[in-house]
Amino acid sequence: MNLYEQKALAELKEWQRKVSQKPSIIDKMTKGIQRKTNSLIPDKVHNIMTEAIKNMSKAVLWGSGFITGSPIIKGSLEEREKHVTDKLNFYKKTAALEGAGTGAGGFLLGLADFPLLLSIKMKFLFDIASLYGYDVRDYRERLYILYIFQLAFSSKQRQVEIYNQMLNWDNYVHSLPMDVDDFDWRTFQQEYRDYIDLAKMLQLVPGIGAAVGAYANYKLLDKLGETAVNAYRMRRFKLKV
């Protein structure tokens, strides 16, 4: 193991320590606040978010519109992650620009940001999977992408559940349904929607929507990038805490 791999392994262990911790009192309070915020959001917004997540999750499972190339077979971890960093920086800037544009456009454009941001995130994950050498034409790899997404954007309690499932992915994946329609997208969309509701609500506020949209989208991509990198490192090192 070279110096870069040793550093990556140390970062992975620290990330695993944090993500596997049980929910704290603050985590539980945050979940309560999220639910309260949820109840204040108009049904129209809820419906748009729910439908967008449902359609996007099905699109990922079918692979439609996201598969663009073959996986990179050769390359060290350091070489791969240099490309991953470049790709993440590109997508963060893209998401920030998109959030600023829709946030400045008022309520309707603010709502339009939700499915657009979902598309950016999913395209990023497909690209990252290929950079780590995984073939997203394989349905099981597309399932892994959805689990990475859930791991990044779920409540702490749900996050721990997903993490434990992903620890032994090669075995766990065989217990998952192979039919797209059997995927539990309801839990998926509820957790994601609760996670980002407050940021998306602020993006709809006139005057601050552009700034909030740019910052929120940038940070959401940053969180997704950290989660994806460590999720693939975990498979590479096959490490369990």
C-alpha atoms as a PDB file:
ATOM      1  CA  MET A   1       0.000   0.000   0.000  1.00  0.00           C
ATOM      2  CA  ASN A   2       1.536   3.309  -1.095  1.00  0.00           C
ATOM      3  CA  LEU A   3       1.379   6.629   0.780  1.00  0.00           C
ATOM      4  CA  TYR A   4      -1.711   7.829  -1.092  1.00  0.00           C
ATOM      5  CA  GLU A   5      -3.603   4.637  -0.314  1.00  0.00           C
ATOM      6  CA  GLN A   6      -2.596   4.853   3.341  1.00  0.00           C
ATOM      7  CA  LYS A   7      -3.948   8.406   3.492  1.00  0.00           C
ATOM      8  CA  ALA A   8      -7.159   7.376   1.722  1.00  0.00           C
ATOM      9  CA  LEU A   9      -7.599   4.453   4.113  1.00  0.00           C
ATOM     10  CA  ALA A  10      -7.189   6.717   7.147  1.00  0.00           C
ATOM     11  CA  GLU A  11      -9.783   9.139   5.734  1.00  0.00           C
ATOM     12  CA  LEU A  12     -12.130   6.243   5.060  1.00  0.00           C
ATOM     13  CA  LYS A  13     -11.846   4.958   8.631  1.00  0.00           C
ATOM     14  CA  GLU A  14     -12.651   8.397  10.021  1.00  0.00           C
ATOM     15  CA  TRP A  15     -15.635   8.743   7.684  1.00  0.00           C
ATOM     16  CA  GLN A  16     -16.865   5.281   8.675  1.00  0.00           C
ATOM     17  CA  ARG A  17     -16.568   6.165  12.342  1.00  0.00           C
ATOM     18  CA  LYS A  18     -18.774   9.218  11.861  1.00  0.00           C
ATOM     19  CA  VAL A  19     -21.359   7.653   9.561  1.00  0.00           C
ATOM     20  CA  SER A  20     -21.833   4.539  11.715  1.00  0.00           C
ATOM     21  CA  GLN A  21     -22.534   6.435  14.950  1.00  0.00           C
ATOM     22  CA  LYS A  22     -26.033   6.081  16.344  1.00  0.00           C
ATOM     23  CA  PRO A  23     -28.341   9.109  16.200  1.00  0.00           C
ATOM     24  CA  SER A  24     -27.640  11.659  18.937  1.00  0.00           C
ATOM     25  CA  ILE A  25     -30.221  13.788  20.749  1.00  0.00           C
ATOM     26  CA  ILE A  26     -29.389  16.635  18.372  1.00  0.00           C
ATOM     27  CA  ASP A  27     -29.947  14.342  15.376  1.00  0.00           C
ATOM     28  CA  LYS A  28     -33.374  13.405  16.725  1.00  0.00           C
ATOM     29  CA  MET A  29     -34.231  17.058  17.359  1.00  0.00           C
ATOM     30  CA  THR A  30     -33.143  17.936  13.817  1.00  0.00           C
ATOM     31  CA  LYS A  31     -35.441  15.257  12.431  1.00  0.00           C
ATOM     32  CA  GLY A  32     -38.303  16.774  14.408  1.00  0.00           C
ATOM     33  CA  ILE A  33     -37.559  20.225  13.006  1.00  0.00           C
ATOM     34  CA  GLN A  34     -37.456  18.783   9.505  1.00  0.00           C
ATOM     35  CA  ARG A  35     -40.876  17.219  10.008  1.00  0.00           C
ATOM     36  CA  LYS A  36     -42.253  20.517  11.305  1.00  0.00           C
ATOM     37  CA  THR A  37     -40.824  22.321   8.271  1.00  0.00           C
ATOM     38  CA  ASN A  38     -42.330  19.632   6.076  1.00  0.00           C
ATOM     39  CA  SER A  39     -45.812  20.408   7.406  1.00  0.00           C
ATOM     40  CA  LEU A  40     -45.472  24.077   6.430  1.00  0.00           C
ATOM     41  CA  ILE A  41     -44.666  23.420   2.783  1.00  0.00           C
ATOM     42  CA  PRO A  42     -47.597  23.657   0.328  1.00  0.00           C
ATOM     43  CA  ASP A  43     -48.914  20.408  -1.109  1.00  0.00           C
ATOM     44  CA  LYS A  44     -48.043  21.650  -4.592  1.00  0.00           C
ATOM     45  CA  VAL A  45     -44.355  21.723  -3.677  1.00  0.00           C
ATOM     46  CA  HIS A  46     -44.543  18.298  -2.008  1.00  0.00           C
ATOM     47  CA  ASN A  47     -46.190  16.800  -5.082  1.00  0.00           C
ATOM     48  CA  ILE A  48     -43.566  18.210  -7.446  1.00  0.00           C
ATOM     49  CA  MET A  49     -40.748  16.885  -5.256  1.00  0.00           C
ATOM     50  CA  THR A  50     -42.336  13.467  -4.828  1.00  0.00           C
ATOM     51  CA  GLU A  51     -42.970  13.009  -8.529  1.00  0.00           C
ATOM     52  CA  ALA A  52     -39.496  14.228  -9.460  1.00  0.00           C
ATOM     53  CA  ILE A  53     -37.805  11.762  -7.087  1.00  0.00           C
ATOM     54  CA  LYS A  54     -40.004   8.885  -8.215  1.00  0.00           C
ATOM     55  CA  ASN A  55     -39.273   9.536 -11.884  1.00  0.00           C
ATOM     56  CA  MET A  56     -35.565  10.050 -11.269  1.00  0.00           C
ATOM     57  CA  SER A  57     -35.139   6.889  -9.208  1.00  0.00           C
ATOM     58  CA  LYS A  58     -36.865   4.855 -11.897  1.00  0.00           C
ATOM     59  CA  ALA A  59     -34.723   6.484 -14.577  1.00  0.00           C
ATOM     60  CA  VAL A  60     -31.599   5.481 -12.647  1.00  0.00           C
ATOM     61  CA  LEU A  61     -32.763   1.889 -12.244  1.00  0.00           C
ATOM     62  CA  TRP A  62     -33.556   1.680 -15.946  1.00  0.00           C
ATOM     63  CA  GLY A  63     -30.296   3.457 -16.746  1.00  0.00           C
ATOM     64  CA  SER A  64     -32.021   5.756 -19.183  1.00  0.00           C
ATOM     65  CA  GLY A  65     -30.107   8.896 -20.109  1.00  0.00           C
ATOM     66  CA  PHE A  66     -27.215   8.453 -17.675  1.00  0.00           C
ATOM     67  CA  ILE A  67     -24.984   5.747 -19.144  1.00  0.00           C
ATOM     68  CA  THR A  68     -22.431   7.494 -21.350  1.00  0.00           C
ATOM     69  CA  GLY A  69     -19.287   5.362 -21.469  1.00  0.00           C
ATOM     70  CA  SER A  70     -17.407   2.274 -20.376  1.00  0.00           C
ATOM     71  CA  PRO A  71     -15.763   1.968 -16.953  1.00  0.00           C
ATOM     72  CA  ILE A  72     -12.072   2.793 -16.598  1.00  0.00           C
ATOM     73  CA  ILE A  73     -10.400  -0.567 -16.083  1.00  0.00           C
ATOM     74  CA  LYS A  74      -6.788   0.460 -15.401  1.00  0.00           C
ATOM     75  CA  GLY A  75      -5.435   3.072 -13.034  1.00  0.00           C
ATOM     76  CA  SER A  76      -4.235   3.503  -9.474  1.00  0.00           C
ATOM     77  CA  LEU A  77      -6.494   4.867  -6.752  1.00  0.00           C
ATOM     78  CA  GLU A  78      -4.593   8.155  -6.852  1.00  0.00           C
ATOM     79  CA  GLU A  79      -5.047   8.494 -10.622  1.00  0.00           C
ATOM     80  CA  ARG A  80      -8.727   7.657 -10.388  1.00  0.00           C
ATOM     81  CA  GLU A  81      -9.385  10.092  -7.563  1.00  0.00           C
ATOM     82  CA  LYS A  82      -7.634  12.928  -9.348  1.00  0.00           C
ATOM     83  CA  HIS A  83     -10.233  12.538 -12.086  1.00  0.00           C
ATOM     84  CA  VAL A  84     -12.961  12.212  -9.447  1.00  0.00           C
ATOM     85  CA  THR A  85     -11.901  15.524  -7.860  1.00  0.00           C
ATOM     86  CA  ASP A  86     -11.908  17.271 -11.246  1.00  0.00           C
ATOM     87  CA  LYS A  87     -15.332  15.844 -12.016  1.00  0.00           C
ATOM     88  CA  LEU A  88     -16.720  16.866  -8.619  1.00  0.00           C
ATOM     89  CA  ASN A  89     -15.454  20.436  -9.005  1.00  0.00           C
ATOM     90  CA  PHE A  90     -17.131  20.648 -12.405  1.00  0.00           C
ATOM     91  CA  TYR A  91     -20.461  19.379 -11.078  1.00  0.00           C
ATOM     92  CA  LYS A  92     -20.359  21.625  -8.004  1.00  0.00           C
ATOM     93  CA  LYS A  93     -19.915  24.682 -10.212  1.00  0.00           C
ATOM     94  CA  THR A  94     -22.671  23.459 -12.534  1.00  0.00           C
ATOM     95  CA  ALA A  95     -25.056  22.912  -9.618  1.00  0.00           C
ATOM     96  CA  ALA A  96     -24.241  26.321  -8.117  1.00  0.00           C
ATOM     97  CA  LEU A  97     -24.890  28.121 -11.410  1.00  0.00           C
ATOM     98  CA  GLU A  98     -28.132  26.228 -11.902  1.00  0.00           C
ATOM     99  CA  GLY A  99     -29.263  27.003  -8.346  1.00  0.00           C
ATOM    100  CA  ALA A 100     -28.445  30.690  -8.710  1.00  0.00           C
ATOM    101  CA  GLY A 101     -30.311  30.935 -12.006  1.00  0.00           C
ATOM    102  CA  THR A 102     -33.460  29.209 -10.841  1.00  0.00           C
ATOM    103  CA  GLY A 103     -33.316  30.850  -7.402  1.00  0.00           C
ATOM    104  CA  ALA A 104     -33.292  34.302  -9.011  1.00  0.00           C
ATOM    105  CA  GLY A 105     -36.283  33.456 -11.175  1.00  0.00           C
ATOM    106  CA  GLY A 106     -38.938  33.351  -8.490  1.00  0.00           C
ATOM    107  CA  PHE A 107     -41.236  30.629  -7.201  1.00  0.00           C
ATOM    108  CA  LEU A 108     -41.856  28.626 -10.379  1.00  0.00           C
ATOM    109  CA  LEU A 109     -38.225  28.530 -11.458  1.00  0.00           C
ATOM    110  CA  GLY A 110     -37.271  27.724  -7.881  1.00  0.00           C
ATOM    111  CA  LEU A 111     -39.467  24.649  -8.079  1.00  0.00           C
ATOM    112  CA  ALA A 112     -37.879  23.745 -11.401  1.00  0.00           C
ATOM    113  CA  ASP A 113     -34.506  23.563  -9.636  1.00  0.00           C
ATOM    114  CA  PHE A 114     -35.514  20.402  -7.785  1.00  0.00           C
ATOM    115  CA  PRO A 115     -35.635  17.945 -10.741  1.00  0.00           C
ATOM    116  CA  LEU A 116     -32.719  19.724 -12.426  1.00  0.00           C
ATOM    117  CA  LEU A 117     -30.521  19.293  -9.362  1.00  0.00           C
ATOM    118  CA  LEU A 118     -31.543  15.651  -9.104  1.00  0.00           C
ATOM    119  CA  SER A 119     -30.372  15.096 -12.687  1.00  0.00           C
ATOM    120  CA  ILE A 120     -27.021  16.760 -11.980  1.00  0.00           C
ATOM    121  CA  LYS A 121     -26.464  14.617  -8.890  1.00  0.00           C
ATOM    122  CA  MET A 122     -27.336  11.367 -10.637  1.00  0.00           C
ATOM    123  CA  LYS A 123     -25.181  12.124 -13.674  1.00  0.00           C
ATOM    124  CA  PHE A 124     -22.307  12.875 -11.301  1.00  0.00           C
ATOM    125  CA  LEU A 125     -22.739   9.507  -9.558  1.00  0.00           C
ATOM    126  CA  PHE A 126     -22.800   7.616 -12.845  1.00  0.00           C
ATOM    127  CA  ASP A 127     -19.573   9.343 -13.912  1.00  0.00           C
ATOM    128  CA  ILE A 128     -17.899   8.616 -10.572  1.00  0.00           C
ATOM    129  CA  ALA A 129     -18.841   4.927 -10.692  1.00  0.00           C
ATOM    130  CA  SER A 130     -17.153   4.605 -14.093  1.00  0.00           C
ATOM    131  CA  LEU A 131     -14.033   6.394 -12.832  1.00  0.00           C
ATOM    132  CA  TYR A 132     -13.727   3.853 -10.022  1.00  0.00           C
ATOM    133  CA  GLY A 133     -14.015   1.048 -12.580  1.00  0.00           C
ATOM    134  CA  TYR A 134     -17.621  -0.069 -12.053  1.00  0.00           C
ATOM    135  CA  ASP A 135     -19.874  -0.805 -15.002  1.00  0.00           C
ATOM    136  CA  VAL A 136     -23.143   1.113 -14.605  1.00  0.00           C
ATOM    137  CA  ARG A 137     -24.717  -0.988 -17.339  1.00  0.00           C
ATOM    138  CA  ASP A 138     -25.009  -3.564 -14.556  1.00  0.00           C
ATOM    139  CA  TYR A 139     -28.332  -3.088 -12.742  1.00  0.00           C
ATOM    140  CA  ARG A 140     -26.651  -3.850  -9.399  1.00  0.00           C
ATOM    141  CA  GLU A 141     -24.238  -0.957  -9.857  1.00  0.00           C
ATOM    142  CA  ARG A 142     -27.145   1.369 -10.504  1.00  0.00           C
ATOM    143  CA  LEU A 143     -28.702   0.138  -7.269  1.00  0.00           C
ATOM    144  CA  TYR A 144     -25.451   0.986  -5.494  1.00  0.00           C
ATOM    145  CA  ILE A 145     -25.696   4.506  -6.881  1.00  0.00           C
ATOM    146  CA  LEU A 146     -29.135   4.913  -5.329  1.00  0.00           C
ATOM    147  CA  TYR A 147     -27.810   3.652  -2.011  1.00  0.00           C
ATOM    148  CA  ILE A 148     -24.964   6.185  -2.130  1.00  0.00           C
ATOM    149  CA  PHE A 149     -27.554   8.865  -2.773  1.00  0.00           C
ATOM    150  CA  GLN A 150     -29.624   7.737   0.212  1.00  0.00           C
ATOM    151  CA  LEU A 151     -26.559   7.523   2.416  1.00  0.00           C
ATOM    152  CA  ALA A 152     -25.739  11.152   1.634  1.00  0.00           C
ATOM    153  CA  PHE A 153     -29.240  12.567   2.021  1.00  0.00           C
ATOM    154  CA  SER A 154     -31.075  10.717   4.767  1.00  0.00           C
ATOM    155  CA  SER A 155     -31.759  11.174   8.456  1.00  0.00           C
ATOM    156  CA  LYS A 156     -29.055   9.894  10.798  1.00  0.00           C
ATOM    157  CA  GLN A 157     -31.097   6.831  11.767  1.00  0.00           C
ATOM    158  CA  ARG A 158     -31.732   5.878   8.159  1.00  0.00           C
ATOM    159  CA  GLN A 159     -28.122   6.671   7.285  1.00  0.00           C
ATOM    160  CA  VAL A 160     -26.847   4.087   9.781  1.00  0.00           C
ATOM    161  CA  GLU A 161     -29.245   1.469   8.366  1.00  0.00           C
ATOM    162  CA  ILE A 162     -28.075   2.091   4.802  1.00  0.00           C
ATOM    163  CA  TYR A 163     -24.414   2.112   5.784  1.00  0.00           C
ATOM    164  CA  ASN A 164     -24.737  -1.294   7.452  1.00  0.00           C
ATOM    165  CA  GLN A 165     -26.416  -2.676   4.339  1.00  0.00           C
ATOM    166  CA  MET A 166     -23.643  -1.338   2.115  1.00  0.00           C
ATOM    167  CA  LEU A 167     -20.879  -2.797   4.293  1.00  0.00           C
ATOM    168  CA  ASN A 168     -21.493  -6.237   2.836  1.00  0.00           C
ATOM    169  CA  TRP A 169     -22.805  -5.088  -0.521  1.00  0.00           C
ATOM    170  CA  ASP A 170     -21.799  -8.097  -2.631  1.00  0.00           C
ATOM    171  CA  ASN A 171     -24.037 -10.322  -0.515  1.00  0.00           C
ATOM    172  CA  TYR A 172     -26.735  -7.793   0.344  1.00  0.00           C
ATOM    173  CA  VAL A 173     -27.430  -6.862  -3.269  1.00  0.00           C
ATOM    174  CA  HIS A 174     -28.716 -10.375  -3.961  1.00  0.00           C
ATOM    175  CA  SER A 175     -31.567  -9.796  -1.502  1.00  0.00           C
ATOM    176  CA  LEU A 176     -32.798  -6.717  -3.393  1.00  0.00           C
ATOM    177  CA  PRO A 177     -35.635  -6.903  -5.942  1.00  0.00           C
ATOM    178  CA  MET A 178     -34.579  -7.051  -9.579  1.00  0.00           C
ATOM    179  CA  ASP A 179     -37.838  -5.478 -10.726  1.00  0.00           C
ATOM    180  CA  VAL A 180     -37.666  -1.684 -10.999  1.00  0.00           C
ATOM    181  CA  ASP A 181     -41.236  -1.287  -9.748  1.00  0.00           C
ATOM    182  CA  ASP A 182     -40.406  -3.134  -6.515  1.00  0.00           C
ATOM    183  CA  PHE A 183     -37.788  -0.593  -5.411  1.00  0.00           C
ATOM    184  CA  ASP A 184     -38.792   1.254  -2.212  1.00  0.00           C
ATOM    185  CA  TRP A 185     -38.779   4.705  -3.772  1.00  0.00           C
ATOM    186  CA  ARG A 186     -41.308   6.020  -1.216  1.00  0.00           C
ATOM    187  CA  THR A 187     -38.839   5.820   1.668  1.00  0.00           C
ATOM    188  CA  PHE A 188     -36.166   7.105  -0.673  1.00  0.00           C
ATOM    189  CA  GLN A 189     -38.089  10.222  -1.676  1.00  0.00           C
ATOM    190  CA  GLN A 190     -39.357  10.969   1.844  1.00  0.00           C
ATOM    191  CA  GLU A 191     -35.878  10.907   3.365  1.00  0.00           C
ATOM    192  CA  TYR A 192     -34.367  13.028   0.608  1.00  0.00           C
ATOM    193  CA  ARG A 193     -37.210  15.511   0.624  1.00  0.00           C
ATOM    194  CA  ASP A 194     -37.002  15.948   4.401  1.00  0.00           C
ATOM    195  CA  TYR A 195     -33.236  16.391   4.213  1.00  0.00           C
ATOM    196  CA  ILE A 196     -33.260  19.325   1.799  1.00  0.00           C
ATOM    197  CA  ASP A 197     -36.676  20.919   2.398  1.00  0.00           C
ATOM    198  CA  LEU A 198     -35.414  23.928   4.364  1.00  0.00           C
ATOM    199  CA  ALA A 199     -32.778  24.870   1.799  1.00  0.00           C
ATOM    200  CA  LYS A 200     -35.257  24.504  -1.046  1.00  0.00           C
ATOM    201  CA  MET A 201     -37.861  26.604   0.790  1.00  0.00           C
ATOM    202  CA  LEU A 202     -35.381  29.449   1.295  1.00  0.00           C
ATOM    203  CA  GLN A 203     -34.503  29.269  -2.377  1.00  0.00           C
ATOM    204  CA  LEU A 204     -38.092  30.237  -3.194  1.00  0.00           C
ATOM    205  CA  VAL A 205     -37.891  33.454  -1.147  1.00  0.00           C
ATOM    206  CA  PRO A 206     -37.582  36.567  -3.367  1.00  0.00           C
ATOM    207  CA  GLY A 207     -34.359  38.517  -2.944  1.00  0.00           C
ATOM    208  CA  ILE A 208     -32.270  35.730  -1.408  1.00  0.00           C
ATOM    209  CA  GLY A 209     -33.232  32.829  -3.667  1.00  0.00           C
ATOM    210  CA  ALA A 210     -30.244  33.151  -6.000  1.00  0.00           C
ATOM    211  CA  ALA A 211     -27.638  33.243  -3.236  1.00  0.00           C
ATOM    212  CA  VAL A 212     -29.312  30.440  -1.289  1.00  0.00           C
ATOM    213  CA  GLY A 213     -29.747  28.338  -4.418  1.00  0.00           C
ATOM    214  CA  ALA A 214     -26.104  28.630  -5.434  1.00  0.00           C
ATOM    215  CA  TYR A 215     -24.749  27.914  -1.946  1.00  0.00           C
ATOM    216  CA  ALA A 216     -27.172  25.080  -1.150  1.00  0.00           C
ATOM    217  CA  ASN A 217     -26.585  23.283  -4.431  1.00  0.00           C
ATOM    218  CA  TYR A 218     -22.808  23.630  -4.112  1.00  0.00           C
ATOM    219  CA  LYS A 219     -22.834  22.187  -0.589  1.00  0.00           C
ATOM    220  CA  LEU A 220     -25.232  19.378  -1.517  1.00  0.00           C
ATOM    221  CA  LEU A 221     -22.881  18.279  -4.324  1.00  0.00           C
ATOM    222  CA  ASP A 222     -19.950  18.541  -1.939  1.00  0.00           C
ATOM    223  CA  LYS A 223     -21.716  16.210   0.525  1.00  0.00           C
ATOM    224  CA  LEU A 224     -22.609  13.788  -2.246  1.00  0.00           C
ATOM    225  CA  GLY A 225     -19.014  13.782  -3.490  1.00  0.00           C
ATOM    226  CA  GLU A 226     -17.582  12.937  -0.069  1.00  0.00           C
ATOM    227  CA  THR A 227     -20.108  10.139   0.379  1.00  0.00           C
ATOM    228  CA  ALA A 228     -19.503   8.671  -3.082  1.00  0.00           C
ATOM    229  CA  VAL A 229     -15.718   8.695  -2.720  1.00  0.00           C
ATOM    230  CA  ASN A 230     -15.837   6.874   0.595  1.00  0.00           C
ATOM    231  CA  ALA A 231     -18.524   4.458  -0.567  1.00  0.00           C
ATOM    232  CA  TYR A 232     -16.264   3.318  -3.413  1.00  0.00           C
ATOM    233  CA  ARG A 233     -13.166   3.340  -1.233  1.00  0.00           C
ATOM    234  CA  MET A 234     -15.055   1.057   1.139  1.00  0.00           C
ATOM    235  CA  ARG A 235     -15.553  -1.478  -1.625  1.00  0.00           C
ATOM    236  CA  ARG A 236     -11.946  -1.170  -2.756  1.00  0.00           C
ATOM    237  CA  PHE A 237     -10.518  -1.712   0.709  1.00  0.00           C
ATOM    238  CA  LYS A 238     -13.414  -3.972   1.831  1.00  0.00           C
ATOM    239  CA  LEU A 239     -13.097  -2.407   5.239  1.00  0.00           C
ATOM    240  CA  LYS A 240     -15.515  -2.807   8.141  1.00  0.00           C
ATOM    241  CA  VAL A 241     -15.366  -0.750  11.345  1.00  0.00           C
END
